[in-house]
Amino acid sequence: MNRKKSKGFKKIINQIGSRKKKQYKSRYKSVLDVMRTTRRAMDLTQEELSIMAGISRSTIARIESGEENVEVETLMRLANAMKKELEIVLK
């Protein structure tokens, strides 16, 4: 993943108005929680998932900790590796 393109979760949160920060943080955290919970439920380590998805283990660790801004392509690769369907809903 290109580190220059990825601003990281903390930097993005700092750019959002204070009223929206809590809402955005909650939604972003939910995505991370679902990914981590699914990986653990499948009894996969970050290393095993990284091999299956073709993503470095350190990238998965940064994603799960909220330090990495996740691109849709990366989410798709992770979902496919875990045999899950990625669904994005705009409301």
C-alpha atoms as a PDB file:
ATOM      1  CA  MET A   1       0.000   0.000   0.000  1.00  0.00           C
ATOM      2  CA  ASN A   2       1.313   3.424  -0.867  1.00  0.00           C
ATOM      3  CA  ARG A   3       2.074   5.194   2.421  1.00  0.00           C
ATOM      4  CA  LYS A   4       1.985   8.643   0.757  1.00  0.00           C
ATOM      5  CA  LYS A   5      -1.648   8.137  -0.337  1.00  0.00           C
ATOM      6  CA  SER A   6      -2.659   6.843   3.071  1.00  0.00           C
ATOM      7  CA  LYS A   7      -3.121   9.656   5.562  1.00  0.00           C
ATOM      8  CA  GLY A   8      -4.008   7.361   8.430  1.00  0.00           C
ATOM      9  CA  PHE A   9      -7.073   7.378  10.596  1.00  0.00           C
ATOM     10  CA  LYS A  10      -5.787   9.850  13.182  1.00  0.00           C
ATOM     11  CA  LYS A  11      -4.906  12.500  10.586  1.00  0.00           C
ATOM     12  CA  ILE A  12      -8.296  12.141   8.894  1.00  0.00           C
ATOM     13  CA  ILE A  13     -10.108  12.499  12.219  1.00  0.00           C
ATOM     14  CA  ASN A  14      -8.191  15.713  12.936  1.00  0.00           C
ATOM     15  CA  GLN A  15      -9.419  17.208   9.638  1.00  0.00           C
ATOM     16  CA  ILE A  16     -13.096  16.598  10.347  1.00  0.00           C
ATOM     17  CA  GLY A  17     -15.245  19.088  12.265  1.00  0.00           C
ATOM     18  CA  SER A  18     -15.646  18.226  15.943  1.00  0.00           C
ATOM     19  CA  ARG A  19     -19.355  17.334  15.642  1.00  0.00           C
ATOM     20  CA  LYS A  20     -18.640  14.764  12.931  1.00  0.00           C
ATOM     21  CA  LYS A  21     -15.538  13.255  14.570  1.00  0.00           C
ATOM     22  CA  LYS A  22     -17.373  10.993  16.975  1.00  0.00           C
ATOM     23  CA  GLN A  23     -19.721   9.641  14.288  1.00  0.00           C
ATOM     24  CA  TYR A  24     -16.911   8.994  11.787  1.00  0.00           C
ATOM     25  CA  LYS A  25     -14.683   7.413  14.405  1.00  0.00           C
ATOM     26  CA  SER A  26     -17.494   5.077  15.452  1.00  0.00           C
ATOM     27  CA  ARG A  27     -18.182   3.905  11.882  1.00  0.00           C
ATOM     28  CA  TYR A  28     -14.497   3.435  11.077  1.00  0.00           C
ATOM     29  CA  LYS A  29     -13.968   1.516  14.308  1.00  0.00           C
ATOM     30  CA  SER A  30     -16.917  -0.723  13.440  1.00  0.00           C
ATOM     31  CA  VAL A  31     -15.259  -1.746  10.156  1.00  0.00           C
ATOM     32  CA  LEU A  32     -12.010  -2.515  11.967  1.00  0.00           C
ATOM     33  CA  ASP A  33     -13.827  -4.451  14.683  1.00  0.00           C
ATOM     34  CA  VAL A  34     -15.717  -6.570  12.146  1.00  0.00           C
ATOM     35  CA  MET A  35     -12.523  -7.395  10.295  1.00  0.00           C
ATOM     36  CA  ARG A  36     -10.600  -8.270  13.468  1.00  0.00           C
ATOM     37  CA  THR A  37     -13.503 -10.254  14.941  1.00  0.00           C
ATOM     38  CA  THR A  38     -13.973 -12.208  11.704  1.00  0.00           C
ATOM     39  CA  ARG A  39     -10.259 -12.999  11.482  1.00  0.00           C
ATOM     40  CA  ARG A  40     -10.193 -14.205  15.082  1.00  0.00           C
ATOM     41  CA  ALA A  41     -13.420 -16.210  14.682  1.00  0.00           C
ATOM     42  CA  MET A  42     -11.769 -18.007  11.768  1.00  0.00           C
ATOM     43  CA  ASP A  43      -8.793 -18.677  14.060  1.00  0.00           C
ATOM     44  CA  LEU A  44      -6.441 -16.859  11.687  1.00  0.00           C
ATOM     45  CA  THR A  45      -3.342 -14.975  12.717  1.00  0.00           C
ATOM     46  CA  GLN A  46      -2.482 -11.696  11.046  1.00  0.00           C
ATOM     47  CA  GLU A  47       0.360 -13.529   9.304  1.00  0.00           C
ATOM     48  CA  GLU A  48      -1.965 -16.218   7.910  1.00  0.00           C
ATOM     49  CA  LEU A  49      -4.466 -13.626   6.681  1.00  0.00           C
ATOM     50  CA  SER A  50      -1.668 -11.593   5.122  1.00  0.00           C
ATOM     51  CA  ILE A  51      -0.556 -14.589   3.073  1.00  0.00           C
ATOM     52  CA  MET A  52      -4.121 -15.381   1.999  1.00  0.00           C
ATOM     53  CA  ALA A  53      -4.867 -11.753   1.008  1.00  0.00           C
ATOM     54  CA  GLY A  54      -1.465 -10.874  -0.423  1.00  0.00           C
ATOM     55  CA  ILE A  55      -1.070  -7.994   2.029  1.00  0.00           C
ATOM     56  CA  SER A  56       1.799  -7.573   4.463  1.00  0.00           C
ATOM     57  CA  ARG A  57       1.232  -8.538   8.084  1.00  0.00           C
ATOM     58  CA  SER A  58       2.358  -5.089   9.194  1.00  0.00           C
ATOM     59  CA  THR A  59      -0.327  -3.493   7.000  1.00  0.00           C
ATOM     60  CA  ILE A  60      -2.996  -5.692   8.584  1.00  0.00           C
ATOM     61  CA  ALA A  61      -1.713  -4.736  12.041  1.00  0.00           C
ATOM     62  CA  ARG A  62      -1.857  -1.025  11.150  1.00  0.00           C
ATOM     63  CA  ILE A  63      -5.375  -1.424   9.719  1.00  0.00           C
ATOM     64  CA  GLU A  64      -6.634  -3.225  12.821  1.00  0.00           C
ATOM     65  CA  SER A  65      -5.104  -0.612  15.115  1.00  0.00           C
ATOM     66  CA  GLY A  66      -6.600   2.278  13.135  1.00  0.00           C
ATOM     67  CA  GLU A  67      -3.217   3.613  12.016  1.00  0.00           C
ATOM     68  CA  GLU A  68      -3.798   2.822   8.333  1.00  0.00           C
ATOM     69  CA  ASN A  69      -6.397   4.374   6.062  1.00  0.00           C
ATOM     70  CA  VAL A  70      -8.029   1.392   4.354  1.00  0.00           C
ATOM     71  CA  GLU A  71      -8.668   1.503   0.618  1.00  0.00           C
ATOM     72  CA  VAL A  72     -11.690  -0.302  -0.816  1.00  0.00           C
ATOM     73  CA  GLU A  73      -9.411  -2.600  -2.836  1.00  0.00           C
ATOM     74  CA  THR A  74      -7.679  -3.685   0.377  1.00  0.00           C
ATOM     75  CA  LEU A  75     -11.011  -4.346   2.080  1.00  0.00           C
ATOM     76  CA  MET A  76     -12.058  -6.438  -0.925  1.00  0.00           C
ATOM     77  CA  ARG A  77      -8.865  -8.489  -0.771  1.00  0.00           C
ATOM     78  CA  LEU A  78      -9.311  -9.091   2.955  1.00  0.00           C
ATOM     79  CA  ALA A  79     -12.996 -10.013   2.556  1.00  0.00           C
ATOM     80  CA  ASN A  80     -12.208 -12.410  -0.291  1.00  0.00           C
ATOM     81  CA  ALA A  81      -9.414 -14.037   1.706  1.00  0.00           C
ATOM     82  CA  MET A  82     -11.856 -14.626   4.572  1.00  0.00           C
ATOM     83  CA  LYS A  83     -14.539 -15.884   2.137  1.00  0.00           C
ATOM     84  CA  LYS A  84     -16.803 -12.963   3.043  1.00  0.00           C
ATOM     85  CA  GLU A  85     -18.722 -10.517   0.895  1.00  0.00           C
ATOM     86  CA  LEU A  86     -17.862  -6.830   1.105  1.00  0.00           C
ATOM     87  CA  GLU A  87     -20.958  -4.643   1.079  1.00  0.00           C
ATOM     88  CA  ILE A  88     -20.762  -0.868   1.010  1.00  0.00           C
ATOM     89  CA  VAL A  89     -23.952   1.025   1.712  1.00  0.00           C
ATOM     90  CA  LEU A  90     -24.387   4.739   1.139  1.00  0.00           C
ATOM     91  CA  LYS A  91     -27.214   6.329   3.095  1.00  0.00           C
END
